[in-house]
């Protein structure tokens, strides 16, 4: 939680120190996941997941949808992308969160 608070405040050095302390103490953060049931089969996704057999098609569909949304004025809210990266990469990264992969 403290790591995320620092990230929201753009205190990247403090965030890095908290994450280093977590690693040093063996504390692990569980990755969030999203599940969807299709034809009685449950599919589970985590951010940047590449293990699904249809991941290529999933990414292509997300890209198509993102283009359509952008054309009508959608701008991703990047304030919850808690990694120190360029704004363009933050928008792209948000497209690969688990809940989007689960479409």
PDB file of N, CA and C in Angstrom:
ATOM      1  N   UNK A   1       0.822  -1.194   0.000  1.00  0.00           N
ATOM      2  CA  UNK A   1       0.000   0.000   0.000  1.00  0.00           C
ATOM      3  C   UNK A   1       0.866   1.258   0.000  1.00  0.00           C
ATOM      4  N   UNK A   2       1.889   1.272   0.842  1.00  0.00           N
ATOM      5  CA  UNK A   2       2.760   2.441   0.899  1.00  0.00           C
ATOM      6  C   UNK A   2       3.449   2.665  -0.445  1.00  0.00           C
ATOM      7  N   UNK A   3       3.849   1.588  -1.095  1.00  0.00           N
ATOM      8  CA  UNK A   3       4.461   1.686  -2.419  1.00  0.00           C
ATOM      9  C   UNK A   3       3.524   2.385  -3.398  1.00  0.00           C
ATOM     10  N   UNK A   4       2.245   2.021  -3.382  1.00  0.00           N
ATOM     11  CA  UNK A   4       1.266   2.644  -4.279  1.00  0.00           C
ATOM     12  C   UNK A   4       1.033   4.110  -3.935  1.00  0.00           C
ATOM     13  N   UNK A   5       1.017   4.435  -2.656  1.00  0.00           N
ATOM     14  CA  UNK A   5       0.849   5.841  -2.238  1.00  0.00           C
ATOM     15  C   UNK A   5       1.998   6.675  -2.783  1.00  0.00           C
ATOM     16  N   UNK A   6       3.214   6.176  -2.641  1.00  0.00           N
ATOM     17  CA  UNK A   6       4.364   6.892  -3.190  1.00  0.00           C
ATOM     18  C   UNK A   6       4.270   7.033  -4.704  1.00  0.00           C
ATOM     19  N   UNK A   7       3.829   5.992  -5.382  1.00  0.00           N
ATOM     20  CA  UNK A   7       3.713   6.044  -6.843  1.00  0.00           C
ATOM     21  C   UNK A   7       2.702   7.095  -7.269  1.00  0.00           C
ATOM     22  N   UNK A   8       1.546   7.150  -6.616  1.00  0.00           N
ATOM     23  CA  UNK A   8       0.526   8.149  -6.959  1.00  0.00           C
ATOM     24  C   UNK A   8       1.073   9.564  -6.760  1.00  0.00           C
ATOM     25  N   UNK A   9       1.936   9.725  -5.766  1.00  0.00           N
ATOM     26  CA  UNK A   9       2.525  11.033  -5.472  1.00  0.00           C
ATOM     27  C   UNK A   9       3.779  11.312  -6.311  1.00  0.00           C
ATOM     28  N   UNK A  10       4.075  10.429  -7.276  1.00  0.00           N
ATOM     29  CA  UNK A  10       5.277  10.556  -8.121  1.00  0.00           C
ATOM     30  C   UNK A  10       6.566  10.570  -7.309  1.00  0.00           C
ATOM     31  N   UNK A  11       6.568   9.876  -6.187  1.00  0.00           N
ATOM     32  CA  UNK A  11       7.770   9.752  -5.351  1.00  0.00           C
ATOM     33  C   UNK A  11       8.422   8.407  -5.663  1.00  0.00           C
ATOM     34  N   UNK A  12       8.991   8.339  -6.869  1.00  0.00           N
ATOM     35  CA  UNK A  12       9.498   7.082  -7.396  1.00  0.00           C
ATOM     36  C   UNK A  12      10.675   6.528  -6.599  1.00  0.00           C
ATOM     37  N   UNK A  13      11.536   7.400  -6.079  1.00  0.00           N
ATOM     38  CA  UNK A  13      12.666   6.916  -5.278  1.00  0.00           C
ATOM     39  C   UNK A  13      12.178   6.261  -3.989  1.00  0.00           C
ATOM     40  N   UNK A  14      11.176   6.893  -3.348  1.00  0.00           N
ATOM     41  CA  UNK A  14      10.611   6.311  -2.126  1.00  0.00           C
ATOM     42  C   UNK A  14       9.916   4.989  -2.435  1.00  0.00           C
ATOM     43  N   UNK A  15       9.203   4.938  -3.562  1.00  0.00           N
ATOM     44  CA  UNK A  15       8.537   3.695  -3.960  1.00  0.00           C
ATOM     45  C   UNK A  15       9.577   2.594  -4.168  1.00  0.00           C
ATOM     46  N   UNK A  16      10.664   2.935  -4.853  1.00  0.00           N
ATOM     47  CA  UNK A  16      11.719   1.946  -5.107  1.00  0.00           C
ATOM     48  C   UNK A  16      12.314   1.440  -3.800  1.00  0.00           C
ATOM     49  N   UNK A  17      12.481   2.317  -2.829  1.00  0.00           N
ATOM     50  CA  UNK A  17      13.034   1.907  -1.534  1.00  0.00           C
ATOM     51  C   UNK A  17      12.087   0.954  -0.806  1.00  0.00           C
ATOM     52  N   UNK A  18      10.784   1.242  -0.856  1.00  0.00           N
ATOM     53  CA  UNK A  18       9.804   0.349  -0.233  1.00  0.00           C
ATOM     54  C   UNK A  18       9.833  -1.017  -0.919  1.00  0.00           C
ATOM     55  N   UNK A  19       9.860  -1.020  -2.249  1.00  0.00           N
ATOM     56  CA  UNK A  19       9.881  -2.289  -2.986  1.00  0.00           C
ATOM     57  C   UNK A  19      11.165  -3.077  -2.684  1.00  0.00           C
ATOM     58  N   UNK A  20      12.300  -2.372  -2.556  1.00  0.00           N
ATOM     59  CA  UNK A  20      13.565  -3.032  -2.226  1.00  0.00           C
ATOM     60  C   UNK A  20      13.477  -3.659  -0.835  1.00  0.00           C
ATOM     61  N   UNK A  21      12.902  -2.919   0.106  1.00  0.00           N
ATOM     62  CA  UNK A  21      12.738  -3.441   1.465  1.00  0.00           C
ATOM     63  C   UNK A  21      11.854  -4.681   1.452  1.00  0.00           C
ATOM     64  N   UNK A  22      10.808  -4.655   0.640  1.00  0.00           N
ATOM     65  CA  UNK A  22       9.928  -5.825   0.528  1.00  0.00           C
ATOM     66  C   UNK A  22      10.705  -7.037   0.030  1.00  0.00           C
ATOM     67  N   UNK A  23      11.520  -6.826  -0.999  1.00  0.00           N
ATOM     68  CA  UNK A  23      12.326  -7.924  -1.551  1.00  0.00           C
ATOM     69  C   UNK A  23      13.310  -8.432  -0.504  1.00  0.00           C
ATOM     70  N   UNK A  24      13.989  -7.493   0.177  1.00  0.00           N
ATOM     71  CA  UNK A  24      14.974  -7.869   1.198  1.00  0.00           C
ATOM     72  C   UNK A  24      14.349  -8.695   2.314  1.00  0.00           C
ATOM     73  N   UNK A  25      13.086  -8.405   2.636  1.00  0.00           N
ATOM     74  CA  UNK A  25      12.397  -9.108   3.728  1.00  0.00           C
ATOM     75  C   UNK A  25      11.572 -10.298   3.239  1.00  0.00           C
ATOM     76  N   UNK A  26      11.626 -10.562   1.939  1.00  0.00           N
ATOM     77  CA  UNK A  26      10.907 -11.710   1.388  1.00  0.00           C
ATOM     78  C   UNK A  26       9.406 -11.502   1.269  1.00  0.00           C
ATOM     79  N   UNK A  27       8.964 -10.254   1.295  1.00  0.00           N
ATOM     80  CA  UNK A  27       7.539  -9.948   1.157  1.00  0.00           C
ATOM     81  C   UNK A  27       7.196  -9.949  -0.330  1.00  0.00           C
ATOM     82  N   UNK A  28       6.151 -10.680  -0.690  1.00  0.00           N
ATOM     83  CA  UNK A  28       5.750 -10.749  -2.093  1.00  0.00           C
ATOM     84  C   UNK A  28       4.345 -10.190  -2.256  1.00  0.00           C
ATOM     85  N   UNK A  29       4.163  -9.444  -3.309  1.00  0.00           N
ATOM     86  CA  UNK A  29       2.857  -8.890  -3.636  1.00  0.00           C
ATOM     87  C   UNK A  29       2.185  -9.844  -4.617  1.00  0.00           C
ATOM     88  N   UNK A  30       0.979 -10.263  -4.291  1.00  0.00           N
ATOM     89  CA  UNK A  30       0.255 -11.141  -5.204  1.00  0.00           C
ATOM     90  C   UNK A  30      -0.286 -10.333  -6.377  1.00  0.00           C
ATOM     91  N   UNK A  31      -0.140 -10.877  -7.553  1.00  0.00           N
ATOM     92  CA  UNK A  31      -0.666 -10.210  -8.743  1.00  0.00           C
ATOM     93  C   UNK A  31      -2.186 -10.325  -8.756  1.00  0.00           C
ATOM     94  N   UNK A  32      -2.840  -9.240  -9.138  1.00  0.00           N
ATOM     95  CA  UNK A  32      -4.286  -9.283  -9.294  1.00  0.00           C
ATOM     96  C   UNK A  32      -4.636 -10.093 -10.534  1.00  0.00           C
ATOM     97  N   UNK A  33      -5.824 -10.666 -10.536  1.00  0.00           N
ATOM     98  CA  UNK A  33      -6.229 -11.408 -11.714  1.00  0.00           C
ATOM     99  C   UNK A  33      -7.703 -11.179 -11.980  1.00  0.00           C
ATOM    100  N   UNK A  34      -8.114 -11.519 -13.170  1.00  0.00           N
ATOM    101  CA  UNK A  34      -9.516 -11.434 -13.576  1.00  0.00           C
ATOM    102  C   UNK A  34      -9.902 -12.754 -14.209  1.00  0.00           C
ATOM    103  N   UNK A  35     -11.135 -13.176 -13.947  1.00  0.00           N
ATOM    104  CA  UNK A  35     -11.635 -14.440 -14.487  1.00  0.00           C
ATOM    105  C   UNK A  35     -12.905 -14.194 -15.280  1.00  0.00           C
ATOM    106  N   UNK A  36     -13.094 -15.005 -16.286  1.00  0.00           N
ATOM    107  CA  UNK A  36     -14.313 -14.974 -17.077  1.00  0.00           C
ATOM    108  C   UNK A  36     -14.672 -16.414 -17.432  1.00  0.00           C
ATOM    109  N   UNK A  37     -15.958 -16.721 -17.401  1.00  0.00           N
ATOM    110  CA  UNK A  37     -16.408 -18.061 -17.768  1.00  0.00           C
ATOM    111  C   UNK A  37     -17.045 -18.009 -19.145  1.00  0.00           C
ATOM    112  N   UNK A  38     -16.556 -18.862 -20.035  1.00  0.00           N
ATOM    113  CA  UNK A  38     -17.087 -18.969 -21.398  1.00  0.00           C
ATOM    114  C   UNK A  38     -17.331 -20.450 -21.677  1.00  0.00           C
ATOM    115  N   UNK A  39     -18.556 -20.765 -22.040  1.00  0.00           N
ATOM    116  CA  UNK A  39     -18.913 -22.166 -22.334  1.00  0.00           C
ATOM    117  C   UNK A  39     -18.500 -23.112 -21.210  1.00  0.00           C
ATOM    118  N   UNK A  40     -18.812 -22.727 -19.986  1.00  0.00           N
ATOM    119  CA  UNK A  40     -18.519 -23.531 -18.790  1.00  0.00           C
ATOM    120  C   UNK A  40     -17.033 -23.740 -18.541  1.00  0.00           C
ATOM    121  N   UNK A  41     -16.193 -22.917 -19.138  1.00  0.00           N
ATOM    122  CA  UNK A  41     -14.755 -22.997 -18.902  1.00  0.00           C
ATOM    123  C   UNK A  41     -14.282 -21.656 -18.343  1.00  0.00           C
ATOM    124  N   UNK A  42     -13.571 -21.697 -17.222  1.00  0.00           N
ATOM    125  CA  UNK A  42     -13.079 -20.481 -16.580  1.00  0.00           C
ATOM    126  C   UNK A  42     -11.702 -20.137 -17.142  1.00  0.00           C
ATOM    127  N   UNK A  43     -11.556 -18.882 -17.566  1.00  0.00           N
ATOM    128  CA  UNK A  43     -10.278 -18.370 -18.066  1.00  0.00           C
ATOM    129  C   UNK A  43      -9.798 -17.321 -17.061  1.00  0.00           C
ATOM    130  N   UNK A  44      -8.554 -17.446 -16.610  1.00  0.00           N
ATOM    131  CA  UNK A  44      -7.982 -16.516 -15.640  1.00  0.00           C
ATOM    132  C   UNK A  44      -6.841 -15.754 -16.300  1.00  0.00           C
ATOM    133  N   UNK A  45      -6.808 -14.439 -16.043  1.00  0.00           N
ATOM    134  CA  UNK A  45      -5.792 -13.581 -16.640  1.00  0.00           C
ATOM    135  C   UNK A  45      -5.117 -12.745 -15.559  1.00  0.00           C
ATOM    136  N   UNK A  46      -3.841 -12.464 -15.761  1.00  0.00           N
ATOM    137  CA  UNK A  46      -3.108 -11.472 -14.982  1.00  0.00           C
ATOM    138  C   UNK A  46      -2.580 -10.446 -15.969  1.00  0.00           C
ATOM    139  N   UNK A  47      -2.180  -9.284 -15.473  1.00  0.00           N
ATOM    140  CA  UNK A  47      -1.680  -8.233 -16.353  1.00  0.00           C
ATOM    141  C   UNK A  47      -0.511  -8.739 -17.187  1.00  0.00           C
ATOM    142  N   UNK A  48      -0.498  -8.337 -18.430  1.00  0.00           N
ATOM    143  CA  UNK A  48       0.565  -8.721 -19.376  1.00  0.00           C
ATOM    144  C   UNK A  48       0.624 -10.235 -19.598  1.00  0.00           C
ATOM    145  N   UNK A  49      -0.466 -10.936 -19.335  1.00  0.00           N
ATOM    146  CA  UNK A  49      -0.513 -12.396 -19.476  1.00  0.00           C
ATOM    147  C   UNK A  49      -0.315 -12.790 -20.942  1.00  0.00           C
ATOM    148  N   UNK A  50       0.517 -13.782 -21.159  1.00  0.00           N
ATOM    149  CA  UNK A  50       0.749 -14.270 -22.524  1.00  0.00           C
ATOM    150  C   UNK A  50       0.505 -15.767 -22.635  1.00  0.00           C
ATOM    151  N   UNK A  51      -0.082 -16.368 -21.609  1.00  0.00           N
ATOM    152  CA  UNK A  51      -0.208 -17.822 -21.593  1.00  0.00           C
ATOM    153  C   UNK A  51      -1.494 -18.346 -22.227  1.00  0.00           C
ATOM    154  N   UNK A  52      -2.474 -17.498 -22.429  1.00  0.00           N
ATOM    155  CA  UNK A  52      -3.748 -17.958 -22.986  1.00  0.00           C
ATOM    156  C   UNK A  52      -3.537 -18.374 -24.444  1.00  0.00           C
ATOM    157  N   UNK A  53      -4.155 -19.489 -24.871  1.00  0.00           N
ATOM    158  CA  UNK A  53      -3.951 -19.956 -26.251  1.00  0.00           C
ATOM    159  C   UNK A  53      -4.454 -18.980 -27.315  1.00  0.00           C
ATOM    160  N   UNK A  54      -5.331 -18.064 -26.958  1.00  0.00           N
ATOM    161  CA  UNK A  54      -5.850 -17.091 -27.928  1.00  0.00           C
ATOM    162  C   UNK A  54      -5.336 -15.677 -27.653  1.00  0.00           C
ATOM    163  N   UNK A  55      -4.180 -15.566 -26.979  1.00  0.00           N
ATOM    164  CA  UNK A  55      -3.699 -14.246 -26.564  1.00  0.00           C
ATOM    165  C   UNK A  55      -3.453 -13.325 -27.754  1.00  0.00           C
ATOM    166  N   UNK A  56      -3.003 -13.857 -28.871  1.00  0.00           N
ATOM    167  CA  UNK A  56      -2.761 -13.012 -30.047  1.00  0.00           C
ATOM    168  C   UNK A  56      -4.063 -12.369 -30.508  1.00  0.00           C
ATOM    169  N   UNK A  57      -5.121 -13.160 -30.590  1.00  0.00           N
ATOM    170  CA  UNK A  57      -6.426 -12.637 -31.001  1.00  0.00           C
ATOM    171  C   UNK A  57      -6.977 -11.651 -29.977  1.00  0.00           C
ATOM    172  N   UNK A  58      -6.741 -11.940 -28.703  1.00  0.00           N
ATOM    173  CA  UNK A  58      -7.194 -11.038 -27.635  1.00  0.00           C
ATOM    174  C   UNK A  58      -6.528  -9.677 -27.779  1.00  0.00           C
ATOM    175  N   UNK A  59      -5.217  -9.677 -28.000  1.00  0.00           N
ATOM    176  CA  UNK A  59      -4.496  -8.409 -28.157  1.00  0.00           C
ATOM    177  C   UNK A  59      -4.953  -7.654 -29.412  1.00  0.00           C
ATOM    178  N   UNK A  60      -5.192  -8.375 -30.479  1.00  0.00           N
ATOM    179  CA  UNK A  60      -5.671  -7.730 -31.703  1.00  0.00           C
ATOM    180  C   UNK A  60      -7.030  -7.071 -31.472  1.00  0.00           C
ATOM    181  N   UNK A  61      -7.924  -7.748 -30.765  1.00  0.00           N
ATOM    182  CA  UNK A  61      -9.247  -7.185 -30.472  1.00  0.00           C
ATOM    183  C   UNK A  61      -9.139  -5.980 -29.541  1.00  0.00           C
ATOM    184  N   UNK A  62      -8.280  -6.048 -28.537  1.00  0.00           N
ATOM    185  CA  UNK A  62      -8.080  -4.900 -27.654  1.00  0.00           C
ATOM    186  C   UNK A  62      -7.551  -3.702 -28.427  1.00  0.00           C
ATOM    187  N   UNK A  63      -6.622  -3.948 -29.335  1.00  0.00           N
ATOM    188  CA  UNK A  63      -6.069  -2.862 -30.152  1.00  0.00           C
ATOM    189  C   UNK A  63      -7.172  -2.245 -31.016  1.00  0.00           C
ATOM    190  N   UNK A  64      -8.002  -3.087 -31.627  1.00  0.00           N
ATOM    191  CA  UNK A  64      -9.098  -2.599 -32.460  1.00  0.00           C
ATOM    192  C   UNK A  64     -10.067  -1.756 -31.630  1.00  0.00           C
ATOM    193  N   UNK A  65     -10.424  -2.239 -30.457  1.00  0.00           N
ATOM    194  CA  UNK A  65     -11.347  -1.506 -29.594  1.00  0.00           C
ATOM    195  C   UNK A  65     -10.741  -0.192 -29.111  1.00  0.00           C
ATOM    196  N   UNK A  66      -9.452  -0.211 -28.777  1.00  0.00           N
ATOM    197  CA  UNK A  66      -8.790   1.006 -28.312  1.00  0.00           C
ATOM    198  C   UNK A  66      -8.781   2.074 -29.402  1.00  0.00           C
ATOM    199  N   UNK A  67      -8.547   1.658 -30.660  1.00  0.00           N
ATOM    200  CA  UNK A  67      -8.576   2.611 -31.780  1.00  0.00           C
ATOM    201  C   UNK A  67      -9.969   3.215 -31.913  1.00  0.00           C
ATOM    202  N   UNK A  68     -10.999   2.367 -31.857  1.00  0.00           N
ATOM    203  CA  UNK A  68     -12.378   2.869 -31.961  1.00  0.00           C
ATOM    204  C   UNK A  68     -12.706   3.835 -30.830  1.00  0.00           C
ATOM    205  N   UNK A  69     -12.313   3.492 -29.617  1.00  0.00           N
ATOM    206  CA  UNK A  69     -12.584   4.367 -28.474  1.00  0.00           C
ATOM    207  C   UNK A  69     -11.833   5.687 -28.602  1.00  0.00           C
ATOM    208  N   UNK A  70     -10.603   5.634 -29.075  1.00  0.00           N
ATOM    209  CA  UNK A  70      -9.808   6.854 -29.254  1.00  0.00           C
ATOM    210  C   UNK A  70     -10.434   7.777 -30.285  1.00  0.00           C
ATOM    211  N   UNK A  71     -11.008   7.184 -31.326  1.00  0.00           N
ATOM    212  CA  UNK A  71     -11.646   7.973 -32.384  1.00  0.00           C
ATOM    213  C   UNK A  71     -12.841   8.769 -31.878  1.00  0.00           C
ATOM    214  N   UNK A  72     -13.487   8.292 -30.817  1.00  0.00           N
ATOM    215  CA  UNK A  72     -14.634   9.013 -30.272  1.00  0.00           C
ATOM    216  C   UNK A  72     -14.263   9.815 -29.024  1.00  0.00           C
ATOM    217  N   UNK A  73     -12.953   9.959 -28.774  1.00  0.00           N
ATOM    218  CA  UNK A  73     -12.499  10.851 -27.725  1.00  0.00           C
ATOM    219  C   UNK A  73     -12.048  10.216 -26.428  1.00  0.00           C
ATOM    220  N   UNK A  74     -12.023   8.902 -26.354  1.00  0.00           N
ATOM    221  CA  UNK A  74     -11.590   8.250 -25.119  1.00  0.00           C
ATOM    222  C   UNK A  74     -10.112   8.514 -24.868  1.00  0.00           C
ATOM    223  N   UNK A  75      -9.800   8.907 -23.633  1.00  0.00           N
ATOM    224  CA  UNK A  75      -8.423   9.086 -23.198  1.00  0.00           C
ATOM    225  C   UNK A  75      -8.261   8.287 -21.907  1.00  0.00           C
ATOM    226  N   UNK A  76      -7.340   7.336 -21.869  1.00  0.00           N
ATOM    227  CA  UNK A  76      -7.194   6.518 -20.659  1.00  0.00           C
ATOM    228  C   UNK A  76      -6.750   7.351 -19.461  1.00  0.00           C
ATOM    229  N   UNK A  77      -7.292   7.028 -18.304  1.00  0.00           N
ATOM    230  CA  UNK A  77      -6.901   7.675 -17.054  1.00  0.00           C
ATOM    231  C   UNK A  77      -5.667   6.959 -16.539  1.00  0.00           C
ATOM    232  N   UNK A  78      -4.520   7.586 -16.711  1.00  0.00           N
ATOM    233  CA  UNK A  78      -3.255   6.938 -16.375  1.00  0.00           C
ATOM    234  C   UNK A  78      -2.822   7.181 -14.927  1.00  0.00           C
ATOM    235  N   UNK A  79      -3.635   7.873 -14.142  1.00  0.00           N
ATOM    236  CA  UNK A  79      -3.199   8.163 -12.773  1.00  0.00           C
ATOM    237  C   UNK A  79      -3.117   6.906 -11.916  1.00  0.00           C
ATOM    238  N   UNK A  80      -3.761   5.813 -12.346  1.00  0.00           N
ATOM    239  CA  UNK A  80      -3.701   4.583 -11.566  1.00  0.00           C
ATOM    240  C   UNK A  80      -2.673   3.600 -12.110  1.00  0.00           C
ATOM    241  N   UNK A  81      -1.920   4.002 -13.112  1.00  0.00           N
ATOM    242  CA  UNK A  81      -0.809   3.186 -13.613  1.00  0.00           C
ATOM    243  C   UNK A  81       0.382   3.554 -12.751  1.00  0.00           C
ATOM    244  N   UNK A  82       0.711   2.687 -11.803  1.00  0.00           N
ATOM    245  CA  UNK A  82       1.648   3.031 -10.741  1.00  0.00           C
ATOM    246  C   UNK A  82       3.074   2.607 -11.041  1.00  0.00           C
ATOM    247  N   UNK A  83       3.506   2.840 -12.271  1.00  0.00           N
ATOM    248  CA  UNK A  83       4.884   2.555 -12.659  1.00  0.00           C
ATOM    249  C   UNK A  83       5.466   3.815 -13.273  1.00  0.00           C
ATOM    250  N   UNK A  84       6.751   4.030 -13.053  1.00  0.00           N
ATOM    251  CA  UNK A  84       7.428   5.208 -13.575  1.00  0.00           C
ATOM    252  C   UNK A  84       7.769   4.972 -15.036  1.00  0.00           C
ATOM    253  N   UNK A  85       6.909   5.481 -15.931  1.00  0.00           N
ATOM    254  CA  UNK A  85       7.131   5.321 -17.365  1.00  0.00           C
ATOM    255  C   UNK A  85       6.495   6.502 -18.085  1.00  0.00           C
ATOM    256  N   UNK A  86       6.822   6.644 -19.361  1.00  0.00           N
ATOM    257  CA  UNK A  86       6.256   7.725 -20.158  1.00  0.00           C
ATOM    258  C   UNK A  86       4.751   7.567 -20.271  1.00  0.00           C
ATOM    259  N   UNK A  87       4.036   8.704 -20.437  1.00  0.00           N
ATOM    260  CA  UNK A  87       2.579   8.693 -20.479  1.00  0.00           C
ATOM    261  C   UNK A  87       2.047   7.795 -21.592  1.00  0.00           C
ATOM    262  N   UNK A  88       2.692   7.803 -22.759  1.00  0.00           N
ATOM    263  CA  UNK A  88       2.237   6.969 -23.877  1.00  0.00           C
ATOM    264  C   UNK A  88       2.310   5.487 -23.508  1.00  0.00           C
ATOM    265  N   UNK A  89       3.390   5.106 -22.832  1.00  0.00           N
ATOM    266  CA  UNK A  89       3.537   3.716 -22.411  1.00  0.00           C
ATOM    267  C   UNK A  89       2.518   3.368 -21.330  1.00  0.00           C
ATOM    268  N   UNK A  90       2.173   4.336 -20.463  1.00  0.00           N
ATOM    269  CA  UNK A  90       1.171   4.082 -19.430  1.00  0.00           C
ATOM    270  C   UNK A  90      -0.170   3.743 -20.073  1.00  0.00           C
ATOM    271  N   UNK A  91      -0.563   4.507 -21.094  1.00  0.00           N
ATOM    272  CA  UNK A  91      -1.820   4.235 -21.780  1.00  0.00           C
ATOM    273  C   UNK A  91      -1.825   2.866 -22.411  1.00  0.00           C
ATOM    274  N   UNK A  92      -0.717   2.500 -23.024  1.00  0.00           N
ATOM    275  CA  UNK A  92      -0.590   1.182 -23.645  1.00  0.00           C
ATOM    276  C   UNK A  92      -0.606   0.090 -22.594  1.00  0.00           C
ATOM    277  N   UNK A  93       0.068   0.318 -21.480  1.00  0.00           N
ATOM    278  CA  UNK A  93       0.106  -0.672 -20.408  1.00  0.00           C
ATOM    279  C   UNK A  93      -1.284  -0.942 -19.851  1.00  0.00           C
ATOM    280  N   UNK A  94      -2.096   0.101 -19.736  1.00  0.00           N
ATOM    281  CA  UNK A  94      -3.449  -0.069 -19.216  1.00  0.00           C
ATOM    282  C   UNK A  94      -4.285  -0.982 -20.099  1.00  0.00           C
ATOM    283  N   UNK A  95      -3.967  -1.055 -21.368  1.00  0.00           N
ATOM    284  CA  UNK A  95      -4.707  -1.929 -22.291  1.00  0.00           C
ATOM    285  C   UNK A  95      -4.437  -3.400 -22.014  1.00  0.00           C
ATOM    286  N   UNK A  96      -3.430  -3.701 -21.226  1.00  0.00           N
ATOM    287  CA  UNK A  96      -3.060  -5.093 -20.989  1.00  0.00           C
ATOM    288  C   UNK A  96      -3.316  -5.536 -19.554  1.00  0.00           C
ATOM    289  N   UNK A  97      -4.114  -4.750 -18.811  1.00  0.00           N
ATOM    290  CA  UNK A  97      -4.498  -5.168 -17.469  1.00  0.00           C
ATOM    291  C   UNK A  97      -5.401  -6.394 -17.558  1.00  0.00           C
ATOM    292  N   UNK A  98      -5.449  -7.153 -16.512  1.00  0.00           N
ATOM    293  CA  UNK A  98      -6.145  -8.441 -16.528  1.00  0.00           C
ATOM    294  C   UNK A  98      -7.622  -8.321 -16.897  1.00  0.00           C
ATOM    295  N   UNK A  99      -8.292  -7.269 -16.416  1.00  0.00           N
ATOM    296  CA  UNK A  99      -9.724  -7.167 -16.718  1.00  0.00           C
ATOM    297  C   UNK A  99      -9.976  -6.881 -18.188  1.00  0.00           C
ATOM    298  N   UNK A 100      -9.033  -6.243 -18.863  1.00  0.00           N
ATOM    299  CA  UNK A 100      -9.188  -6.008 -20.290  1.00  0.00           C
ATOM    300  C   UNK A 100      -8.881  -7.268 -21.080  1.00  0.00           C
ATOM    301  N   UNK A 101      -7.906  -8.035 -20.624  1.00  0.00           N
ATOM    302  CA  UNK A 101      -7.591  -9.294 -21.301  1.00  0.00           C
ATOM    303  C   UNK A 101      -8.755 -10.272 -21.202  1.00  0.00           C
ATOM    304  N   UNK A 102      -9.566 -10.124 -20.160  1.00  0.00           N
ATOM    305  CA  UNK A 102     -10.664 -11.069 -19.929  1.00  0.00           C
ATOM    306  C   UNK A 102     -11.896 -10.774 -20.772  1.00  0.00           C
ATOM    307  N   UNK A 103     -11.811  -9.808 -21.703  1.00  0.00           N
ATOM    308  CA  UNK A 103     -12.990  -9.537 -22.532  1.00  0.00           C
ATOM    309  C   UNK A 103     -13.319 -10.757 -23.347  1.00  0.00           C
TER     310      UNK A 103
END
